[in-house]
Amino acid sequence: MADTDGKSGKGLNIGLWVAQVLLFLAFGAAGGMKLFSPAAVEMAKQQLNMPYALTYFIGVSEFAGALGMILPAATRIQPKLTGFAGIGLLVVMILALGVHIMRGELSHMPPVIILGALGLRGLGPTLEGAHRAAVNAPLATTPTVLRLRLVA
C-alpha cells in the first residue's frame, strides 16, 4: 500500500538516521579504542589471547564501518555504501557473538545482538534504493535473461 502523505517515509528516514548515528557512536568508540589505545590492545592480548594484528584489523573494520554509516548518506556521495557498511558491521558482530559463545560469556551477548541488529537496520537505504531502481527500470534496460519487474 502506497503512502500518500509521506509521514511513514519521514518516520523511516528518521529511524534510519537514529540507527546510523548509534552505530557510528558505538563502533567509532570501539574501533577508535582498538586503534588508538595501546592499553585496550594489550588487554585484548592478555584476556583473549588475541594477536595484535587481529585486534588492529577489528579496530580498522569497526572504525571504517562507523564512518561508512554516516559519511555516504550525509554527503550524498554513493549513499548505497551505507548498506555495505551495515553488512560489514553485521559480520563483525556475528564473529564477536561466536567468540563470546565459545568463551561462555553469555552476559556479553545482548549488546552484540543489539548492535548486529542495528547493523542490519543500516541496510534499509541500500535495499530501498535497489527496490526502487528495479521497479522503475524499463524492461529494455534489463538483461534478456531476467525480464522481470519487481512491483510493490
N, C-alpha and C. Protein backbone atom coordinates (compact mmCIF):
# COMPACT_ATOMS: atom_id res chain seq x y z
N MET A 1 0.85 -1.17 0.00
CA MET A 1 0.00 0.00 0.00
C MET A 1 0.90 1.24 0.00
N ALA A 2 0.62 2.14 -0.90
CA ALA A 2 1.44 3.34 -1.02
C ALA A 2 1.02 4.37 0.01
N ASP A 3 2.01 5.10 0.50
CA ASP A 3 1.75 6.15 1.48
C ASP A 3 1.59 7.46 0.72
N THR A 4 0.44 8.10 0.84
CA THR A 4 0.20 9.31 0.07
C THR A 4 0.62 10.58 0.79
N ASP A 5 0.66 10.56 2.12
CA ASP A 5 1.01 11.79 2.83
C ASP A 5 2.49 11.87 3.19
N GLY A 6 3.27 10.79 3.01
CA GLY A 6 4.71 10.83 3.23
C GLY A 6 5.14 10.75 4.67
N LYS A 7 4.21 10.58 5.62
CA LYS A 7 4.58 10.56 7.03
C LYS A 7 5.39 9.32 7.38
N SER A 8 5.01 8.15 6.85
CA SER A 8 5.76 6.95 7.20
C SER A 8 7.14 6.97 6.57
N GLY A 9 7.27 7.58 5.40
CA GLY A 9 8.58 7.72 4.77
C GLY A 9 9.51 8.60 5.60
N LYS A 10 8.96 9.66 6.16
CA LYS A 10 9.76 10.55 7.01
C LYS A 10 10.14 9.84 8.30
N GLY A 11 9.20 9.09 8.88
CA GLY A 11 9.49 8.33 10.10
C GLY A 11 10.56 7.28 9.85
N LEU A 12 10.49 6.61 8.70
CA LEU A 12 11.50 5.62 8.35
C LEU A 12 12.87 6.28 8.21
N ASN A 13 12.89 7.44 7.58
CA ASN A 13 14.14 8.17 7.40
C ASN A 13 14.74 8.57 8.75
N ILE A 14 13.93 9.05 9.65
CA ILE A 14 14.41 9.44 10.99
C ILE A 14 14.91 8.21 11.73
N GLY A 15 14.17 7.11 11.65
CA GLY A 15 14.59 5.87 12.30
C GLY A 15 15.92 5.36 11.78
N LEU A 16 16.11 5.44 10.46
CA LEU A 16 17.38 5.01 9.88
C LEU A 16 18.53 5.89 10.35
N TRP A 17 18.30 7.20 10.41
CA TRP A 17 19.35 8.10 10.86
C TRP A 17 19.70 7.86 12.33
N VAL A 18 18.69 7.60 13.15
CA VAL A 18 18.96 7.30 14.56
C VAL A 18 19.82 6.04 14.68
N ALA A 19 19.44 5.00 13.93
CA ALA A 19 20.22 3.75 13.95
C ALA A 19 21.64 4.00 13.46
N GLN A 20 21.78 4.78 12.40
CA GLN A 20 23.11 5.05 11.85
C GLN A 20 23.97 5.83 12.83
N VAL A 21 23.40 6.80 13.51
CA VAL A 21 24.17 7.59 14.47
C VAL A 21 24.58 6.72 15.67
N LEU A 22 23.67 5.87 16.14
CA LEU A 22 24.02 4.96 17.24
C LEU A 22 25.14 4.02 16.84
N LEU A 23 25.08 3.48 15.63
CA LEU A 23 26.15 2.62 15.15
C LEU A 23 27.46 3.38 15.01
N PHE A 24 27.38 4.61 14.52
CA PHE A 24 28.58 5.44 14.38
C PHE A 24 29.23 5.65 15.75
N LEU A 25 28.42 6.00 16.74
CA LEU A 25 28.97 6.24 18.07
C LEU A 25 29.56 4.98 18.69
N ALA A 26 28.82 3.88 18.62
CA ALA A 26 29.28 2.63 19.26
C ALA A 26 30.53 2.09 18.58
N PHE A 27 30.49 1.97 17.27
CA PHE A 27 31.63 1.37 16.58
C PHE A 27 32.78 2.34 16.42
N GLY A 28 32.48 3.63 16.35
CA GLY A 28 33.56 4.62 16.32
C GLY A 28 34.37 4.58 17.61
N ALA A 29 33.66 4.47 18.73
CA ALA A 29 34.35 4.40 20.03
C ALA A 29 35.11 3.09 20.17
N ALA A 30 34.47 1.97 19.83
CA ALA A 30 35.12 0.66 19.97
C ALA A 30 36.32 0.54 19.03
N GLY A 31 36.13 0.93 17.78
CA GLY A 31 37.24 0.86 16.83
C GLY A 31 38.35 1.83 17.16
N GLY A 32 37.96 3.04 17.60
CA GLY A 32 38.96 4.03 17.98
C GLY A 32 39.81 3.57 19.15
N MET A 33 39.17 2.90 20.12
CA MET A 33 39.94 2.37 21.26
C MET A 33 40.96 1.33 20.80
N LYS A 34 40.52 0.45 19.91
CA LYS A 34 41.43 -0.60 19.43
C LYS A 34 42.56 -0.01 18.60
N LEU A 35 42.29 1.09 17.92
CA LEU A 35 43.32 1.68 17.06
C LEU A 35 44.25 2.63 17.79
N PHE A 36 43.70 3.39 18.74
CA PHE A 36 44.48 4.49 19.33
C PHE A 36 44.81 4.32 20.80
N SER A 37 44.39 3.21 21.41
CA SER A 37 44.68 2.99 22.82
C SER A 37 45.51 1.72 23.00
N PRO A 38 46.81 1.87 23.24
CA PRO A 38 47.64 0.68 23.44
C PRO A 38 47.17 -0.18 24.61
N ALA A 39 46.57 0.44 25.63
CA ALA A 39 46.08 -0.33 26.78
C ALA A 39 44.96 -1.27 26.37
N ALA A 40 44.07 -0.83 25.48
CA ALA A 40 42.97 -1.68 25.01
C ALA A 40 43.50 -2.85 24.19
N VAL A 41 44.51 -2.59 23.39
CA VAL A 41 45.11 -3.66 22.58
C VAL A 41 45.80 -4.67 23.49
N GLU A 42 46.50 -4.19 24.48
CA GLU A 42 47.19 -5.08 25.42
C GLU A 42 46.18 -5.90 26.23
N MET A 43 45.07 -5.29 26.60
CA MET A 43 44.03 -6.01 27.33
C MET A 43 43.45 -7.15 26.47
N ALA A 44 43.22 -6.88 25.19
CA ALA A 44 42.72 -7.93 24.29
C ALA A 44 43.74 -9.06 24.17
N LYS A 45 45.00 -8.69 24.15
CA LYS A 45 46.06 -9.71 24.07
C LYS A 45 46.08 -10.56 25.33
N GLN A 46 45.97 -9.93 26.49
CA GLN A 46 46.06 -10.66 27.75
C GLN A 46 44.80 -11.49 28.03
N GLN A 47 43.63 -10.90 27.87
CA GLN A 47 42.38 -11.57 28.24
C GLN A 47 41.91 -12.58 27.19
N LEU A 48 42.04 -12.23 25.93
CA LEU A 48 41.51 -13.09 24.87
C LEU A 48 42.58 -13.87 24.13
N ASN A 49 43.84 -13.60 24.46
CA ASN A 49 44.96 -14.20 23.73
C ASN A 49 44.83 -13.90 22.24
N MET A 50 44.42 -12.68 21.93
CA MET A 50 44.21 -12.26 20.56
C MET A 50 45.48 -11.60 20.01
N PRO A 51 45.92 -12.00 18.84
CA PRO A 51 47.12 -11.37 18.26
C PRO A 51 46.89 -9.87 18.04
N TYR A 52 47.98 -9.12 18.14
CA TYR A 52 47.88 -7.68 17.96
C TYR A 52 47.31 -7.33 16.58
N ALA A 53 47.76 -8.03 15.56
CA ALA A 53 47.30 -7.73 14.20
C ALA A 53 45.79 -7.92 14.08
N LEU A 54 45.25 -8.94 14.71
CA LEU A 54 43.80 -9.17 14.65
C LEU A 54 43.05 -8.06 15.38
N THR A 55 43.59 -7.64 16.51
CA THR A 55 42.95 -6.54 17.25
C THR A 55 42.93 -5.27 16.41
N TYR A 56 44.04 -4.95 15.74
CA TYR A 56 44.07 -3.76 14.89
C TYR A 56 43.14 -3.92 13.69
N PHE A 57 43.07 -5.13 13.12
CA PHE A 57 42.17 -5.37 11.99
C PHE A 57 40.72 -5.15 12.40
N ILE A 58 40.35 -5.66 13.57
CA ILE A 58 38.98 -5.45 14.06
C ILE A 58 38.73 -3.97 14.30
N GLY A 59 39.72 -3.27 14.86
CA GLY A 59 39.59 -1.83 15.08
C GLY A 59 39.39 -1.06 13.79
N VAL A 60 40.16 -1.40 12.76
CA VAL A 60 40.01 -0.75 11.46
C VAL A 60 38.63 -1.05 10.88
N SER A 61 38.19 -2.31 10.99
CA SER A 61 36.87 -2.70 10.47
C SER A 61 35.76 -1.93 11.17
N GLU A 62 35.84 -1.84 12.49
CA GLU A 62 34.81 -1.13 13.24
C GLU A 62 34.82 0.36 12.93
N PHE A 63 36.00 0.95 12.87
CA PHE A 63 36.10 2.39 12.62
C PHE A 63 35.64 2.73 11.20
N ALA A 64 36.06 1.91 10.23
CA ALA A 64 35.62 2.14 8.85
C ALA A 64 34.12 1.95 8.72
N GLY A 65 33.57 0.95 9.40
CA GLY A 65 32.13 0.73 9.38
C GLY A 65 31.39 1.90 10.00
N ALA A 66 31.94 2.45 11.07
CA ALA A 66 31.31 3.61 11.72
C ALA A 66 31.27 4.79 10.77
N LEU A 67 32.38 5.06 10.11
CA LEU A 67 32.40 6.16 9.13
C LEU A 67 31.46 5.88 7.97
N GLY A 68 31.40 4.61 7.55
CA GLY A 68 30.53 4.24 6.45
C GLY A 68 29.05 4.35 6.76
N MET A 69 28.70 4.36 8.05
CA MET A 69 27.30 4.51 8.42
C MET A 69 26.83 5.96 8.27
N ILE A 70 27.76 6.91 8.33
CA ILE A 70 27.38 8.33 8.32
C ILE A 70 27.78 9.04 7.03
N LEU A 71 29.04 8.93 6.65
CA LEU A 71 29.56 9.77 5.57
C LEU A 71 28.86 9.63 4.23
N PRO A 72 28.64 8.41 3.71
CA PRO A 72 27.99 8.34 2.39
C PRO A 72 26.60 8.96 2.37
N ALA A 73 25.81 8.71 3.39
CA ALA A 73 24.46 9.26 3.42
C ALA A 73 24.47 10.76 3.69
N ALA A 74 25.36 11.21 4.56
CA ALA A 74 25.41 12.63 4.91
C ALA A 74 25.91 13.49 3.75
N THR A 75 26.89 12.98 3.01
CA THR A 75 27.45 13.74 1.89
C THR A 75 26.69 13.51 0.59
N ARG A 76 25.81 12.50 0.61
CA ARG A 76 25.05 12.10 -0.58
C ARG A 76 25.95 11.68 -1.72
N ILE A 77 27.13 11.20 -1.37
CA ILE A 77 28.05 10.61 -2.35
C ILE A 77 28.00 9.12 -2.15
N GLN A 78 27.41 8.41 -3.08
CA GLN A 78 27.25 6.96 -3.02
C GLN A 78 26.57 6.52 -1.71
N PRO A 79 25.37 7.01 -1.43
CA PRO A 79 24.71 6.64 -0.17
C PRO A 79 24.43 5.15 -0.04
N LYS A 80 24.44 4.41 -1.14
CA LYS A 80 24.22 2.97 -1.05
C LYS A 80 25.36 2.27 -0.31
N LEU A 81 26.50 2.93 -0.19
CA LEU A 81 27.62 2.34 0.55
C LEU A 81 27.31 2.19 2.04
N THR A 82 26.35 2.96 2.54
CA THR A 82 25.95 2.83 3.93
C THR A 82 25.46 1.41 4.21
N GLY A 83 24.74 0.83 3.29
CA GLY A 83 24.26 -0.54 3.44
C GLY A 83 25.40 -1.54 3.51
N PHE A 84 26.43 -1.31 2.71
CA PHE A 84 27.58 -2.21 2.74
C PHE A 84 28.34 -2.08 4.05
N ALA A 85 28.38 -0.87 4.60
CA ALA A 85 28.98 -0.68 5.92
C ALA A 85 28.16 -1.44 6.96
N GLY A 86 26.84 -1.41 6.82
CA GLY A 86 25.98 -2.16 7.73
C GLY A 86 26.24 -3.66 7.64
N ILE A 87 26.45 -4.16 6.44
CA ILE A 87 26.77 -5.58 6.26
C ILE A 87 28.09 -5.90 6.95
N GLY A 88 29.08 -5.04 6.77
CA GLY A 88 30.38 -5.26 7.40
C GLY A 88 30.28 -5.28 8.91
N LEU A 89 29.52 -4.36 9.48
CA LEU A 89 29.36 -4.33 10.93
C LEU A 89 28.57 -5.54 11.42
N LEU A 90 27.61 -5.98 10.64
CA LEU A 90 26.87 -7.19 11.00
C LEU A 90 27.79 -8.40 11.03
N VAL A 91 28.70 -8.50 10.07
CA VAL A 91 29.67 -9.61 10.05
C VAL A 91 30.57 -9.55 11.28
N VAL A 92 31.04 -8.35 11.62
CA VAL A 92 31.88 -8.19 12.81
C VAL A 92 31.12 -8.67 14.05
N MET A 93 29.84 -8.32 14.15
CA MET A 93 29.06 -8.71 15.32
C MET A 93 28.75 -10.21 15.34
N ILE A 94 28.55 -10.82 14.19
CA ILE A 94 28.34 -12.27 14.14
C ILE A 94 29.59 -12.99 14.62
N LEU A 95 30.75 -12.52 14.19
CA LEU A 95 32.01 -13.13 14.63
C LEU A 95 32.24 -12.89 16.12
N ALA A 96 31.90 -11.69 16.59
CA ALA A 96 32.03 -11.40 18.03
C ALA A 96 31.10 -12.29 18.84
N LEU A 97 29.91 -12.53 18.33
CA LEU A 97 28.97 -13.42 19.01
C LEU A 97 29.56 -14.82 19.13
N GLY A 98 30.20 -15.29 18.07
CA GLY A 98 30.85 -16.59 18.11
C GLY A 98 31.94 -16.66 19.16
N VAL A 99 32.73 -15.62 19.28
CA VAL A 99 33.80 -15.58 20.28
C VAL A 99 33.20 -15.63 21.69
N HIS A 100 32.17 -14.85 21.92
CA HIS A 100 31.56 -14.82 23.25
C HIS A 100 30.88 -16.16 23.58
N ILE A 101 30.29 -16.82 22.61
CA ILE A 101 29.70 -18.13 22.85
C ILE A 101 30.78 -19.15 23.18
N MET A 102 31.89 -19.13 22.44
CA MET A 102 32.98 -20.08 22.70
C MET A 102 33.59 -19.86 24.08
N ARG A 103 33.63 -18.63 24.53
CA ARG A 103 34.21 -18.33 25.84
C ARG A 103 33.19 -18.45 26.97
N GLY A 104 31.93 -18.73 26.63
CA GLY A 104 30.90 -18.88 27.65
C GLY A 104 30.48 -17.56 28.28
N GLU A 105 30.68 -16.46 27.59
CA GLU A 105 30.36 -15.12 28.12
C GLU A 105 28.95 -14.73 27.68
N LEU A 106 27.97 -15.37 28.25
CA LEU A 106 26.58 -15.13 27.85
C LEU A 106 26.12 -13.71 28.20
N SER A 107 26.71 -13.11 29.22
CA SER A 107 26.31 -11.75 29.60
C SER A 107 26.76 -10.72 28.57
N HIS A 108 27.71 -11.07 27.71
CA HIS A 108 28.19 -10.14 26.68
C HIS A 108 27.36 -10.22 25.40
N MET A 109 26.46 -11.19 25.32
CA MET A 109 25.74 -11.42 24.08
C MET A 109 24.65 -10.39 23.76
N PRO A 110 23.86 -9.88 24.72
CA PRO A 110 22.81 -8.92 24.35
C PRO A 110 23.31 -7.67 23.62
N PRO A 111 24.39 -7.01 24.07
CA PRO A 111 24.84 -5.85 23.30
C PRO A 111 25.29 -6.21 21.90
N VAL A 112 25.91 -7.39 21.77
CA VAL A 112 26.38 -7.83 20.45
C VAL A 112 25.18 -8.06 19.53
N ILE A 113 24.14 -8.68 20.04
CA ILE A 113 22.94 -8.94 19.24
C ILE A 113 22.26 -7.63 18.86
N ILE A 114 22.18 -6.70 19.80
CA ILE A 114 21.53 -5.41 19.52
C ILE A 114 22.32 -4.63 18.46
N LEU A 115 23.63 -4.57 18.60
CA LEU A 115 24.44 -3.86 17.61
C LEU A 115 24.39 -4.54 16.25
N GLY A 116 24.35 -5.86 16.24
CA GLY A 116 24.21 -6.59 14.98
C GLY A 116 22.88 -6.29 14.31
N ALA A 117 21.82 -6.22 15.10
CA ALA A 117 20.50 -5.89 14.55
C ALA A 117 20.48 -4.47 14.00
N LEU A 118 21.15 -3.55 14.70
CA LEU A 118 21.24 -2.18 14.18
C LEU A 118 22.05 -2.14 12.88
N GLY A 119 23.08 -2.98 12.79
CA GLY A 119 23.85 -3.07 11.55
C GLY A 119 22.98 -3.55 10.41
N LEU A 120 22.11 -4.48 10.71
CA LEU A 120 21.17 -4.97 9.70
C LEU A 120 20.20 -3.85 9.32
N ARG A 121 19.83 -3.02 10.27
CA ARG A 121 18.94 -1.89 10.01
C ARG A 121 19.58 -0.90 9.05
N GLY A 122 20.91 -0.81 9.08
CA GLY A 122 21.61 0.08 8.17
C GLY A 122 21.47 -0.30 6.71
N LEU A 123 20.96 -1.50 6.46
CA LEU A 123 20.74 -1.94 5.08
C LEU A 123 19.54 -1.25 4.44
N GLY A 124 18.70 -0.63 5.25
CA GLY A 124 17.47 -0.02 4.74
C GLY A 124 17.64 0.82 3.49
N PRO A 125 18.53 1.82 3.48
CA PRO A 125 18.67 2.65 2.29
C PRO A 125 19.15 1.86 1.07
N THR A 126 20.02 0.88 1.27
CA THR A 126 20.52 0.10 0.14
C THR A 126 19.42 -0.74 -0.46
N LEU A 127 18.66 -1.44 0.38
CA LEU A 127 17.58 -2.29 -0.12
C LEU A 127 16.47 -1.46 -0.74
N GLU A 128 16.16 -0.31 -0.12
CA GLU A 128 15.12 0.55 -0.64
C GLU A 128 15.52 1.10 -2.01
N GLY A 129 16.78 1.51 -2.14
CA GLY A 129 17.27 2.04 -3.41
C GLY A 129 17.30 0.97 -4.49
N ALA A 130 17.68 -0.25 -4.14
CA ALA A 130 17.72 -1.33 -5.12
C ALA A 130 16.31 -1.67 -5.57
N HIS A 131 15.36 -1.68 -4.63
CA HIS A 131 13.97 -1.98 -4.97
C HIS A 131 13.41 -0.89 -5.89
N ARG A 132 13.67 0.37 -5.54
CA ARG A 132 13.16 1.48 -6.34
C ARG A 132 13.75 1.43 -7.76
N ALA A 133 15.04 1.11 -7.88
CA ALA A 133 15.67 1.03 -9.19
C ALA A 133 15.07 -0.11 -10.01
N ALA A 134 14.80 -1.24 -9.35
CA ALA A 134 14.23 -2.38 -10.06
C ALA A 134 12.81 -2.09 -10.51
N VAL A 135 12.04 -1.40 -9.70
CA VAL A 135 10.66 -1.09 -10.06
C VAL A 135 10.60 -0.08 -11.19
N ASN A 136 11.48 0.90 -11.16
CA ASN A 136 11.43 1.97 -12.15
C ASN A 136 12.21 1.67 -13.42
N ALA A 137 12.96 0.58 -13.45
CA ALA A 137 13.77 0.27 -14.63
C ALA A 137 12.88 -0.18 -15.78
N PRO A 138 13.08 0.39 -16.95
CA PRO A 138 12.32 -0.10 -18.09
C PRO A 138 12.80 -1.50 -18.47
N LEU A 139 11.92 -2.28 -19.06
CA LEU A 139 12.27 -3.65 -19.39
C LEU A 139 13.41 -3.72 -20.40
N ALA A 140 13.54 -2.73 -21.27
CA ALA A 140 14.57 -2.76 -22.30
C ALA A 140 15.98 -2.68 -21.70
N THR A 141 16.13 -2.11 -20.51
CA THR A 141 17.46 -1.97 -19.93
C THR A 141 17.87 -3.16 -19.08
N THR A 142 16.95 -4.09 -18.85
CA THR A 142 17.30 -5.25 -18.05
C THR A 142 17.84 -6.34 -18.96
N PRO A 143 18.67 -7.24 -18.44
CA PRO A 143 19.18 -8.32 -19.26
C PRO A 143 18.03 -9.17 -19.80
N THR A 144 18.25 -9.76 -21.00
CA THR A 144 17.19 -10.54 -21.62
C THR A 144 16.85 -11.77 -20.80
N VAL A 145 17.79 -12.27 -20.04
CA VAL A 145 17.53 -13.45 -19.23
C VAL A 145 16.56 -13.12 -18.09
N LEU A 146 16.68 -11.93 -17.54
CA LEU A 146 15.83 -11.53 -16.41
C LEU A 146 14.87 -10.44 -16.84
N ARG A 147 13.83 -10.77 -17.51
CA ARG A 147 12.85 -9.78 -17.93
C ARG A 147 11.71 -9.71 -16.93
N LEU A 148 12.07 -9.59 -15.64
CA LEU A 148 11.09 -9.49 -14.57
C LEU A 148 11.11 -8.08 -14.03
N ARG A 149 9.96 -7.60 -13.64
CA ARG A 149 9.88 -6.32 -12.96
C ARG A 149 9.34 -6.55 -11.57
N LEU A 150 10.03 -6.01 -10.59
CA LEU A 150 9.54 -6.09 -9.22
C LEU A 150 8.50 -5.01 -9.01
N VAL A 151 7.42 -5.37 -8.40
CA VAL A 151 6.39 -4.39 -8.10
C VAL A 151 6.10 -4.42 -6.62
N ALA A 152 5.73 -3.27 -6.09
CA ALA A 152 5.46 -3.17 -4.66
C ALA A 152 4.16 -3.84 -4.31
